[in-house]
PDB file of all heavy atoms in Angstrom:
ATOM      1  N   ARG A   1       0.833  -1.211   0.000  1.00  0.00           N
ATOM      2  CA  ARG A   1       0.000   0.000   0.000  1.00  0.00           C
ATOM      3  C   ARG A   1       0.865   1.258   0.000  1.00  0.00           C
ATOM      4  O   ARG A   1       0.592   2.212  -0.739  1.00  0.00           O
ATOM      5  CB  ARG A   1      -0.917  -0.032   1.223  1.00  0.00           C
ATOM      6  CG  ARG A   1      -1.733   1.229   1.459  1.00  0.00           C
ATOM      7  CD  ARG A   1      -2.629   1.058   2.678  1.00  0.00           C
ATOM      8  NE  ARG A   1      -3.141   2.332   3.121  1.00  0.00           N
ATOM      9  CZ  ARG A   1      -2.532   3.114   4.016  1.00  0.00           C
ATOM     10  NH1 ARG A   1      -1.389   2.738   4.543  1.00  0.00           N
ATOM     11  NH2 ARG A   1      -3.071   4.260   4.367  1.00  0.00           N
ATOM     12  N   ASP A   2       1.912   1.276   0.823  1.00  0.00           N
ATOM     13  CA  ASP A   2       2.814   2.430   0.829  1.00  0.00           C
ATOM     14  C   ASP A   2       3.432   2.653  -0.546  1.00  0.00           C
ATOM     15  O   ASP A   2       3.604   3.793  -0.996  1.00  0.00           O
ATOM     16  CB  ASP A   2       3.926   2.234   1.863  1.00  0.00           C
ATOM     17  CG  ASP A   2       3.490   2.559   3.285  1.00  0.00           C
ATOM     18  OD1 ASP A   2       2.335   3.000   3.472  1.00  0.00           O
ATOM     19  OD2 ASP A   2       4.296   2.369   4.219  1.00  0.00           O
ATOM     20  N   LEU A   3       3.772   1.556  -1.210  1.00  0.00           N
ATOM     21  CA  LEU A   3       4.467   1.630  -2.501  1.00  0.00           C
ATOM     22  C   LEU A   3       3.530   1.809  -3.691  1.00  0.00           C
ATOM     23  O   LEU A   3       3.991   1.987  -4.825  1.00  0.00           O
ATOM     24  CB  LEU A   3       5.293   0.355  -2.707  1.00  0.00           C
ATOM     25  CG  LEU A   3       6.499   0.165  -1.784  1.00  0.00           C
ATOM     26  CD1 LEU A   3       6.913  -1.301  -1.742  1.00  0.00           C
ATOM     27  CD2 LEU A   3       7.662   1.043  -2.234  1.00  0.00           C
ATOM     28  N   ASP A   4       2.214   1.731  -3.438  1.00  0.00           N
ATOM     29  CA  ASP A   4       1.218   1.776  -4.525  1.00  0.00           C
ATOM     30  C   ASP A   4       1.457   0.673  -5.551  1.00  0.00           C
ATOM     31  O   ASP A   4       1.367   0.880  -6.766  1.00  0.00           O
ATOM     32  CB  ASP A   4       1.226   3.143  -5.230  1.00  0.00           C
ATOM     33  CG  ASP A   4       0.629   4.240  -4.362  1.00  0.00           C
ATOM     34  OD1 ASP A   4      -0.386   3.964  -3.686  1.00  0.00           O
ATOM     35  OD2 ASP A   4       1.191   5.338  -4.327  1.00  0.00           O
ATOM     36  N   ILE A   5       1.759  -0.509  -5.050  1.00  0.00           N
ATOM     37  CA  ILE A   5       1.948  -1.692  -5.898  1.00  0.00           C
ATOM     38  C   ILE A   5       0.912  -2.737  -5.489  1.00  0.00           C
ATOM     39  O   ILE A   5       0.736  -2.984  -4.290  1.00  0.00           O
ATOM     40  CB  ILE A   5       3.374  -2.269  -5.720  1.00  0.00           C
ATOM     41  CG1 ILE A   5       4.416  -1.273  -6.232  1.00  0.00           C
ATOM     42  CG2 ILE A   5       3.520  -3.594  -6.453  1.00  0.00           C
ATOM     43  CD1 ILE A   5       5.853  -1.706  -5.954  1.00  0.00           C
ATOM     44  N   PRO A   6       0.218  -3.361  -6.427  1.00  0.00           N
ATOM     45  CA  PRO A   6      -0.750  -4.406  -6.064  1.00  0.00           C
ATOM     46  C   PRO A   6      -0.068  -5.530  -5.283  1.00  0.00           C
ATOM     47  O   PRO A   6       1.027  -5.982  -5.657  1.00  0.00           O
ATOM     48  CB  PRO A   6      -1.265  -4.911  -7.423  1.00  0.00           C
ATOM     49  CG  PRO A   6      -1.029  -3.776  -8.367  1.00  0.00           C
ATOM     50  CD  PRO A   6       0.224  -3.103  -7.886  1.00  0.00           C
ATOM     51  N   TYR A   7      -0.711  -5.958  -4.235  1.00  0.00           N
ATOM     52  CA  TYR A   7      -0.143  -7.004  -3.373  1.00  0.00           C
ATOM     53  C   TYR A   7       0.203  -8.255  -4.172  1.00  0.00           C
ATOM     54  O   TYR A   7       1.217  -8.920  -3.901  1.00  0.00           O
ATOM     55  CB  TYR A   7      -1.152  -7.345  -2.269  1.00  0.00           C
ATOM     56  CG  TYR A   7      -0.716  -8.458  -1.344  1.00  0.00           C
ATOM     57  CD1 TYR A   7       0.224  -8.226  -0.341  1.00  0.00           C
ATOM     58  CD2 TYR A   7      -1.246  -9.743  -1.465  1.00  0.00           C
ATOM     59  CE1 TYR A   7       0.635  -9.248   0.519  1.00  0.00           C
ATOM     60  CE2 TYR A   7      -0.853 -10.769  -0.617  1.00  0.00           C
ATOM     61  CZ  TYR A   7       0.089 -10.515   0.370  1.00  0.00           C
ATOM     62  OH  TYR A   7       0.485 -11.532   1.205  1.00  0.00           O
ATOM     63  N   GLU A   8      -0.601  -8.569  -5.157  1.00  0.00           N
ATOM     64  CA  GLU A   8      -0.403  -9.778  -5.953  1.00  0.00           C
ATOM     65  C   GLU A   8       0.893  -9.736  -6.759  1.00  0.00           C
ATOM     66  O   GLU A   8       1.374 -10.769  -7.223  1.00  0.00           O
ATOM     67  CB  GLU A   8      -1.583  -9.998  -6.910  1.00  0.00           C
ATOM     68  CG  GLU A   8      -2.921 -10.205  -6.235  1.00  0.00           C
ATOM     69  CD  GLU A   8      -3.500  -8.928  -5.632  1.00  0.00           C
ATOM     70  OE1 GLU A   8      -3.131  -7.817  -6.112  1.00  0.00           O
ATOM     71  OE2 GLU A   8      -4.294  -9.032  -4.666  1.00  0.00           O
ATOM     72  N   GLU A   9       1.459  -8.550  -6.928  1.00  0.00           N
ATOM     73  CA  GLU A   9       2.694  -8.429  -7.711  1.00  0.00           C
ATOM     74  C   GLU A   9       3.951  -8.442  -6.841  1.00  0.00           C
ATOM     75  O   GLU A   9       5.066  -8.287  -7.344  1.00  0.00           O
ATOM     76  CB  GLU A   9       2.650  -7.129  -8.531  1.00  0.00           C
ATOM     77  CG  GLU A   9       1.545  -7.106  -9.572  1.00  0.00           C
ATOM     78  CD  GLU A   9       1.484  -5.790 -10.341  1.00  0.00           C
ATOM     79  OE1 GLU A   9       2.435  -4.993 -10.224  1.00  0.00           O
ATOM     80  OE2 GLU A   9       0.473  -5.557 -11.050  1.00  0.00           O
ATOM     81  N   ILE A  10       3.753  -8.637  -5.526  1.00  0.00           N
ATOM     82  CA  ILE A  10       4.880  -8.651  -4.593  1.00  0.00           C
ATOM     83  C   ILE A  10       5.354 -10.093  -4.367  1.00  0.00           C
ATOM     84  O   ILE A  10       4.547 -11.010  -4.231  1.00  0.00           O
ATOM     85  CB  ILE A  10       4.476  -8.041  -3.233  1.00  0.00           C
ATOM     86  CG1 ILE A  10       4.017  -6.593  -3.389  1.00  0.00           C
ATOM     87  CG2 ILE A  10       5.608  -8.158  -2.222  1.00  0.00           C
ATOM     88  CD1 ILE A  10       5.113  -5.613  -3.641  1.00  0.00           C
ATOM     89  N   ARG A  11       6.668 -10.288  -4.327  1.00  0.00           N
ATOM     90  CA  ARG A  11       7.241 -11.565  -3.914  1.00  0.00           C
ATOM     91  C   ARG A  11       8.118 -11.301  -2.693  1.00  0.00           C
ATOM     92  O   ARG A  11       8.926 -10.368  -2.699  1.00  0.00           O
ATOM     93  CB  ARG A  11       8.085 -12.171  -5.037  1.00  0.00           C
ATOM     94  CG  ARG A  11       8.722 -13.519  -4.640  1.00  0.00           C
ATOM     95  CD  ARG A  11       9.452 -14.176  -5.805  1.00  0.00           C
ATOM     96  NE  ARG A  11      10.738 -13.540  -6.078  1.00  0.00           N
ATOM     97  CZ  ARG A  11      11.650 -14.048  -6.922  1.00  0.00           C
ATOM     98  NH1 ARG A  11      11.388 -15.174  -7.582  1.00  0.00           N
ATOM     99  NH2 ARG A  11      12.799 -13.423  -7.123  1.00  0.00           N
ATOM    100  N   TYR A  12       7.962 -12.127  -1.667  1.00  0.00           N
ATOM    101  CA  TYR A  12       8.761 -11.918  -0.466  1.00  0.00           C
ATOM    102  C   TYR A  12       9.120 -13.245   0.173  1.00  0.00           C
ATOM    103  O   TYR A  12       8.492 -14.277  -0.057  1.00  0.00           O
ATOM    104  CB  TYR A  12       8.024 -11.027   0.541  1.00  0.00           C
ATOM    105  CG  TYR A  12       6.674 -11.528   0.991  1.00  0.00           C
ATOM    106  CD1 TYR A  12       6.560 -12.475   2.013  1.00  0.00           C
ATOM    107  CD2 TYR A  12       5.498 -11.037   0.425  1.00  0.00           C
ATOM    108  CE1 TYR A  12       5.328 -12.927   2.439  1.00  0.00           C
ATOM    109  CE2 TYR A  12       4.259 -11.488   0.847  1.00  0.00           C
ATOM    110  CZ  TYR A  12       4.172 -12.426   1.847  1.00  0.00           C
ATOM    111  OH  TYR A  12       2.951 -12.878   2.273  1.00  0.00           O
ATOM    112  N   ARG A  13      10.164 -13.191   1.009  1.00  0.00           N
ATOM    113  CA  ARG A  13      10.557 -14.329   1.837  1.00  0.00           C
ATOM    114  C   ARG A  13      10.919 -13.778   3.200  1.00  0.00           C
ATOM    115  O   ARG A  13      11.714 -12.845   3.309  1.00  0.00           O
ATOM    116  CB  ARG A  13      11.749 -15.059   1.225  1.00  0.00           C
ATOM    117  CG  ARG A  13      12.020 -16.419   1.868  1.00  0.00           C
ATOM    118  CD  ARG A  13      13.078 -17.177   1.076  1.00  0.00           C
ATOM    119  NE  ARG A  13      13.088 -18.584   1.430  1.00  0.00           N
ATOM    120  CZ  ARG A  13      14.179 -19.266   1.749  1.00  0.00           C
ATOM    121  NH1 ARG A  13      15.359 -18.658   1.762  1.00  0.00           N
ATOM    122  NH2 ARG A  13      14.111 -20.542   2.038  1.00  0.00           N
ATOM    123  N   SER A  14      10.335 -14.370   4.227  1.00  0.00           N
ATOM    124  CA  SER A  14      10.512 -13.869   5.588  1.00  0.00           C
ATOM    125  C   SER A  14      10.985 -14.995   6.498  1.00  0.00           C
ATOM    126  O   SER A  14      10.654 -16.158   6.277  1.00  0.00           O
ATOM    127  CB  SER A  14       9.186 -13.297   6.106  1.00  0.00           C
ATOM    128  OG  SER A  14       9.254 -12.994   7.483  1.00  0.00           O
ATOM    129  N   ALA A  15      11.749 -14.640   7.523  1.00  0.00           N
ATOM    130  CA  ALA A  15      12.171 -15.638   8.512  1.00  0.00           C
ATOM    131  C   ALA A  15      12.628 -14.934   9.781  1.00  0.00           C
ATOM    132  O   ALA A  15      13.039 -13.776   9.764  1.00  0.00           O
ATOM    133  CB  ALA A  15      13.300 -16.512   7.958  1.00  0.00           C
ATOM    134  N   GLY A  16      12.548 -15.652  10.883  1.00  0.00           N
ATOM    135  CA  GLY A  16      12.968 -15.132  12.187  1.00  0.00           C
ATOM    136  C   GLY A  16      12.189 -15.837  13.276  1.00  0.00           C
ATOM    137  O   GLY A  16      12.029 -17.060  13.253  1.00  0.00           O
ATOM    138  N   ILE A  17      11.689 -15.070  14.239  1.00  0.00           N
ATOM    139  CA  ILE A  17      10.802 -15.581  15.273  1.00  0.00           C
ATOM    140  C   ILE A  17       9.507 -14.784  15.202  1.00  0.00           C
ATOM    141  O   ILE A  17       9.458 -13.713  14.602  1.00  0.00           O
ATOM    142  CB  ILE A  17      11.428 -15.485  16.677  1.00  0.00           C
ATOM    143  CG1 ILE A  17      11.771 -14.024  17.018  1.00  0.00           C
ATOM    144  CG2 ILE A  17      12.665 -16.371  16.778  1.00  0.00           C
ATOM    145  CD1 ILE A  17      12.239 -13.810  18.451  1.00  0.00           C
ATOM    146  N   ASN A  18       8.469 -15.288  15.830  1.00  0.00           N
ATOM    147  CA  ASN A  18       7.196 -14.577  15.781  1.00  0.00           C
ATOM    148  C   ASN A  18       7.334 -13.148  16.309  1.00  0.00           C
ATOM    149  O   ASN A  18       7.926 -12.915  17.356  1.00  0.00           O
ATOM    150  CB  ASN A  18       6.144 -15.324  16.597  1.00  0.00           C
ATOM    151  CG  ASN A  18       4.782 -14.666  16.531  1.00  0.00           C
ATOM    152  OD1 ASN A  18       4.216 -14.284  17.536  1.00  0.00           O
ATOM    153  ND2 ASN A  18       4.262 -14.498  15.332  1.00  0.00           N
ATOM    154  N   HIS A  19       6.814 -12.208  15.565  1.00  0.00           N
ATOM    155  CA  HIS A  19       6.846 -10.781  15.859  1.00  0.00           C
ATOM    156  C   HIS A  19       8.235 -10.167  15.701  1.00  0.00           C
ATOM    157  O   HIS A  19       8.396  -8.961  15.913  1.00  0.00           O
ATOM    158  CB  HIS A  19       6.291 -10.469  17.261  1.00  0.00           C
ATOM    159  CG  HIS A  19       4.802 -10.626  17.345  1.00  0.00           C
ATOM    160  ND1 HIS A  19       4.084 -10.255  18.458  1.00  0.00           N
ATOM    161  CD2 HIS A  19       3.895 -11.113  16.463  1.00  0.00           C
ATOM    162  CE1 HIS A  19       2.798 -10.508  18.252  1.00  0.00           C
ATOM    163  NE2 HIS A  19       2.661 -11.032  17.042  1.00  0.00           N
ATOM    164  N   MET A  20       9.241 -10.998  15.387  1.00  0.00           N
ATOM    165  CA  MET A  20      10.532 -10.444  15.016  1.00  0.00           C
ATOM    166  C   MET A  20      11.131 -11.296  13.889  1.00  0.00           C
ATOM    167  O   MET A  20      12.232 -11.832  13.991  1.00  0.00           O
ATOM    168  CB  MET A  20      11.494 -10.333  16.193  1.00  0.00           C
ATOM    169  CG  MET A  20      12.647  -9.369  15.888  1.00  0.00           C
ATOM    170  SD  MET A  20      13.868  -9.191  17.205  1.00  0.00           S
ATOM    171  CE  MET A  20      13.153  -7.843  18.162  1.00  0.00           C
ATOM    172  N   ALA A  21      10.346 -11.431  12.825  1.00  0.00           N
ATOM    173  CA  ALA A  21      10.835 -12.013  11.582  1.00  0.00           C
ATOM    174  C   ALA A  21      11.073 -10.846  10.617  1.00  0.00           C
ATOM    175  O   ALA A  21      10.461  -9.781  10.751  1.00  0.00           O
ATOM    176  CB  ALA A  21       9.825 -12.994  11.002  1.00  0.00           C
ATOM    177  N   PHE A  22      11.941 -11.060   9.661  1.00  0.00           N
ATOM    178  CA  PHE A  22      12.309  -9.988   8.730  1.00  0.00           C
ATOM    179  C   PHE A  22      12.140 -10.464   7.284  1.00  0.00           C
ATOM    180  O   PHE A  22      12.353 -11.639   6.975  1.00  0.00           O
ATOM    181  CB  PHE A  22      13.769  -9.568   8.943  1.00  0.00           C
ATOM    182  CG  PHE A  22      14.021  -8.871  10.248  1.00  0.00           C
ATOM    183  CD1 PHE A  22      14.239  -9.603  11.409  1.00  0.00           C
ATOM    184  CD2 PHE A  22      14.030  -7.484  10.323  1.00  0.00           C
ATOM    185  CE1 PHE A  22      14.469  -8.962  12.619  1.00  0.00           C
ATOM    186  CE2 PHE A  22      14.262  -6.835  11.531  1.00  0.00           C
ATOM    187  CZ  PHE A  22      14.481  -7.580  12.674  1.00  0.00           C
ATOM    188  N   PHE A  23      11.758  -9.518   6.422  1.00  0.00           N
ATOM    189  CA  PHE A  23      11.698  -9.828   4.994  1.00  0.00           C
ATOM    190  C   PHE A  23      13.123  -9.904   4.459  1.00  0.00           C
ATOM    191  O   PHE A  23      13.803  -8.878   4.325  1.00  0.00           O
ATOM    192  CB  PHE A  23      10.903  -8.759   4.245  1.00  0.00           C
ATOM    193  CG  PHE A  23       9.428  -8.800   4.525  1.00  0.00           C
ATOM    194  CD1 PHE A  23       8.801  -7.747   5.181  1.00  0.00           C
ATOM    195  CD2 PHE A  23       8.659  -9.889   4.139  1.00  0.00           C
ATOM    196  CE1 PHE A  23       7.446  -7.776   5.442  1.00  0.00           C
ATOM    197  CE2 PHE A  23       7.294  -9.942   4.403  1.00  0.00           C
ATOM    198  CZ  PHE A  23       6.689  -8.879   5.051  1.00  0.00           C
ATOM    199  N   LEU A  24      13.570 -11.098   4.169  1.00  0.00           N
ATOM    200  CA  LEU A  24      14.906 -11.274   3.595  1.00  0.00           C
ATOM    201  C   LEU A  24      14.921 -10.857   2.134  1.00  0.00           C
ATOM    202  O   LEU A  24      15.946 -10.421   1.614  1.00  0.00           O
ATOM    203  CB  LEU A  24      15.344 -12.731   3.740  1.00  0.00           C
ATOM    204  CG  LEU A  24      15.311 -13.271   5.180  1.00  0.00           C
ATOM    205  CD1 LEU A  24      15.709 -14.738   5.204  1.00  0.00           C
ATOM    206  CD2 LEU A  24      16.216 -12.439   6.093  1.00  0.00           C
ATOM    207  N   LYS A  25      13.769 -10.990   1.476  1.00  0.00           N
ATOM    208  CA  LYS A  25      13.568 -10.484   0.122  1.00  0.00           C
ATOM    209  C   LYS A  25      12.214  -9.798   0.065  1.00  0.00           C
ATOM    210  O   LYS A  25      11.243 -10.275   0.662  1.00  0.00           O
ATOM    211  CB  LYS A  25      13.591 -11.619  -0.907  1.00  0.00           C
ATOM    212  CG  LYS A  25      14.947 -12.247  -1.125  1.00  0.00           C
ATOM    213  CD  LYS A  25      14.867 -13.296  -2.237  1.00  0.00           C
ATOM    214  CE  LYS A  25      16.243 -13.891  -2.514  1.00  0.00           C
ATOM    215  NZ  LYS A  25      16.176 -14.925  -3.591  1.00  0.00           N
ATOM    216  N   PHE A  26      12.154  -8.682  -0.609  1.00  0.00           N
ATOM    217  CA  PHE A  26      10.879  -7.993  -0.821  1.00  0.00           C
ATOM    218  C   PHE A  26      10.948  -7.369  -2.211  1.00  0.00           C
ATOM    219  O   PHE A  26      11.657  -6.380  -2.416  1.00  0.00           O
ATOM    220  CB  PHE A  26      10.632  -6.931   0.259  1.00  0.00           C
ATOM    221  CG  PHE A  26       9.196  -6.538   0.378  1.00  0.00           C
ATOM    222  CD1 PHE A  26       8.287  -7.353   1.028  1.00  0.00           C
ATOM    223  CD2 PHE A  26       8.725  -5.361  -0.200  1.00  0.00           C
ATOM    224  CE1 PHE A  26       6.944  -7.007   1.120  1.00  0.00           C
ATOM    225  CE2 PHE A  26       7.391  -5.011  -0.115  1.00  0.00           C
ATOM    226  CZ  PHE A  26       6.501  -5.830   0.544  1.00  0.00           C
ATOM    227  N   GLU A  27      10.250  -7.963  -3.172  1.00  0.00           N
ATOM    228  CA  GLU A  27      10.479  -7.662  -4.582  1.00  0.00           C
ATOM    229  C   GLU A  27       9.179  -7.464  -5.350  1.00  0.00           C
ATOM    230  O   GLU A  27       8.121  -7.940  -4.938  1.00  0.00           O
ATOM    231  CB  GLU A  27      11.267  -8.813  -5.232  1.00  0.00           C
ATOM    232  CG  GLU A  27      12.606  -9.091  -4.568  1.00  0.00           C
ATOM    233  CD  GLU A  27      13.241 -10.388  -5.029  1.00  0.00           C
ATOM    234  OE1 GLU A  27      12.488 -11.368  -5.239  1.00  0.00           O
ATOM    235  OE2 GLU A  27      14.476 -10.432  -5.185  1.00  0.00           O
ATOM    236  N   HIS A  28       9.297  -6.770  -6.485  1.00  0.00           N
ATOM    237  CA  HIS A  28       8.167  -6.499  -7.368  1.00  0.00           C
ATOM    238  C   HIS A  28       8.374  -7.228  -8.696  1.00  0.00           C
ATOM    239  O   HIS A  28       9.418  -7.069  -9.340  1.00  0.00           O
ATOM    240  CB  HIS A  28       8.049  -4.986  -7.617  1.00  0.00           C
ATOM    241  CG  HIS A  28       6.873  -4.605  -8.466  1.00  0.00           C
ATOM    242  ND1 HIS A  28       6.836  -3.431  -9.205  1.00  0.00           N
ATOM    243  CD2 HIS A  28       5.690  -5.229  -8.709  1.00  0.00           C
ATOM    244  CE1 HIS A  28       5.680  -3.371  -9.851  1.00  0.00           C
ATOM    245  NE2 HIS A  28       4.975  -4.437  -9.565  1.00  0.00           N
ATOM    246  N   ARG A  29       7.373  -8.010  -9.072  1.00  0.00           N
ATOM    247  CA  ARG A  29       7.456  -8.727 -10.347  1.00  0.00           C
ATOM    248  C   ARG A  29       7.301  -7.754 -11.512  1.00  0.00           C
ATOM    249  O   ARG A  29       6.351  -6.984 -11.569  1.00  0.00           O
ATOM    250  CB  ARG A  29       6.371  -9.808 -10.418  1.00  0.00           C
ATOM    251  CG  ARG A  29       6.494 -10.714 -11.648  1.00  0.00           C
ATOM    252  CD  ARG A  29       5.474 -11.835 -11.646  1.00  0.00           C
ATOM    253  NE  ARG A  29       4.112 -11.343 -11.823  1.00  0.00           N
ATOM    254  CZ  ARG A  29       3.172 -11.355 -10.897  1.00  0.00           C
ATOM    255  NH1 ARG A  29       3.435 -11.822  -9.686  1.00  0.00           N
ATOM    256  NH2 ARG A  29       1.961 -10.902 -11.141  1.00  0.00           N
ATOM    257  N   GLN A  30       8.249  -7.802 -12.452  1.00  0.00           N
ATOM    258  CA  GLN A  30       8.234  -6.914 -13.612  1.00  0.00           C
ATOM    259  C   GLN A  30       7.509  -7.582 -14.790  1.00  0.00           C
ATOM    260  O   GLN A  30       7.258  -8.789 -14.795  1.00  0.00           O
ATOM    261  CB  GLN A  30       9.670  -6.562 -14.017  1.00  0.00           C
ATOM    262  CG  GLN A  30      10.501  -5.969 -12.880  1.00  0.00           C
ATOM    263  CD  GLN A  30       9.936  -4.656 -12.368  1.00  0.00           C
ATOM    264  OE1 GLN A  30       9.968  -3.647 -13.054  1.00  0.00           O
ATOM    265  NE2 GLN A  30       9.415  -4.675 -11.129  1.00  0.00           N
ATOM    266  N   LYS A  31       7.170  -6.784 -15.787  1.00  0.00           N
ATOM    267  CA  LYS A  31       6.419  -7.300 -16.931  1.00  0.00           C
ATOM    268  C   LYS A  31       7.190  -8.373 -17.694  1.00  0.00           C
ATOM    269  O   LYS A  31       6.606  -9.253 -18.325  1.00  0.00           O
ATOM    270  CB  LYS A  31       6.049  -6.153 -17.873  1.00  0.00           C
ATOM    271  CG  LYS A  31       5.004  -5.219 -17.283  1.00  0.00           C
ATOM    272  CD  LYS A  31       4.635  -4.092 -18.236  1.00  0.00           C
ATOM    273  CE  LYS A  31       3.579  -3.176 -17.620  1.00  0.00           C
ATOM    274  NZ  LYS A  31       3.235  -2.038 -18.503  1.00  0.00           N
ATOM    275  N   ASP A  32       8.534  -8.316 -17.661  1.00  0.00           N
ATOM    276  CA  ASP A  32       9.328  -9.314 -18.373  1.00  0.00           C
ATOM    277  C   ASP A  32       9.568 -10.578 -17.542  1.00  0.00           C
ATOM    278  O   ASP A  32      10.311 -11.475 -17.947  1.00  0.00           O
ATOM    279  CB  ASP A  32      10.672  -8.718 -18.815  1.00  0.00           C
ATOM    280  CG  ASP A  32      11.561  -8.317 -17.641  1.00  0.00           C
ATOM    281  OD1 ASP A  32      11.139  -8.508 -16.475  1.00  0.00           O
ATOM    282  OD2 ASP A  32      12.670  -7.817 -17.884  1.00  0.00           O
ATOM    283  N   GLY A  33       8.930 -10.636 -16.344  1.00  0.00           N
ATOM    284  CA  GLY A  33       9.065 -11.819 -15.499  1.00  0.00           C
ATOM    285  C   GLY A  33      10.195 -11.736 -14.491  1.00  0.00           C
ATOM    286  O   GLY A  33      10.315 -12.603 -13.625  1.00  0.00           O
ATOM    287  N   SER A  34      11.035 -10.720 -14.580  1.00  0.00           N
ATOM    288  CA  SER A  34      12.116 -10.542 -13.602  1.00  0.00           C
ATOM    289  C   SER A  34      11.555  -9.871 -12.341  1.00  0.00           C
ATOM    290  O   SER A  34      10.392  -9.453 -12.303  1.00  0.00           O
ATOM    291  CB  SER A  34      13.240  -9.697 -14.200  1.00  0.00           C
ATOM    292  OG  SER A  34      12.773  -8.385 -14.488  1.00  0.00           O
ATOM    293  N   TYR A  35      12.388  -9.760 -11.321  1.00  0.00           N
ATOM    294  CA  TYR A  35      11.965  -9.158 -10.053  1.00  0.00           C
ATOM    295  C   TYR A  35      12.900  -8.020  -9.666  1.00  0.00           C
ATOM    296  O   TYR A  35      14.111  -8.120  -9.857  1.00  0.00           O
ATOM    297  CB  TYR A  35      11.927 -10.204  -8.935  1.00  0.00           C
ATOM    298  CG  TYR A  35      10.736 -11.129  -9.041  1.00  0.00           C
ATOM    299  CD1 TYR A  35      10.798 -12.260  -9.852  1.00  0.00           C
ATOM    300  CD2 TYR A  35       9.562 -10.855  -8.371  1.00  0.00           C
ATOM    301  CE1 TYR A  35       9.706 -13.108  -9.969  1.00  0.00           C
ATOM    302  CE2 TYR A  35       8.458 -11.685  -8.475  1.00  0.00           C
ATOM    303  CZ  TYR A  35       8.535 -12.814  -9.280  1.00  0.00           C
ATOM    304  OH  TYR A  35       7.449 -13.640  -9.400  1.00  0.00           O
ATOM    305  N   ARG A  36      12.313  -6.961  -9.109  1.00  0.00           N
ATOM    306  CA  ARG A  36      13.083  -5.782  -8.703  1.00  0.00           C
ATOM    307  C   ARG A  36      13.041  -5.643  -7.195  1.00  0.00           C
ATOM    308  O   ARG A  36      11.979  -5.714  -6.577  1.00  0.00           O
ATOM    309  CB  ARG A  36      12.496  -4.528  -9.365  1.00  0.00           C
ATOM    310  CG  ARG A  36      13.269  -3.242  -9.069  1.00  0.00           C
ATOM    311  CD  ARG A  36      12.725  -2.075  -9.903  1.00  0.00           C
ATOM    312  NE  ARG A  36      11.395  -1.659  -9.482  1.00  0.00           N
ATOM    313  CZ  ARG A  36      11.147  -0.819  -8.483  1.00  0.00           C
ATOM    314  NH1 ARG A  36      12.151  -0.292  -7.792  1.00  0.00           N
ATOM    315  NH2 ARG A  36       9.909  -0.464  -8.180  1.00  0.00           N
TER     316      ARG A  36
END
């Protein structure tokens, strides 16, 4: 929402402990299939 990007276009990976896990990757799928 902050980024004005549809949630469905986001790819992420998170890990840690409950309430203190971190997004190790937080990316936007591009039209060519790559991720930014």
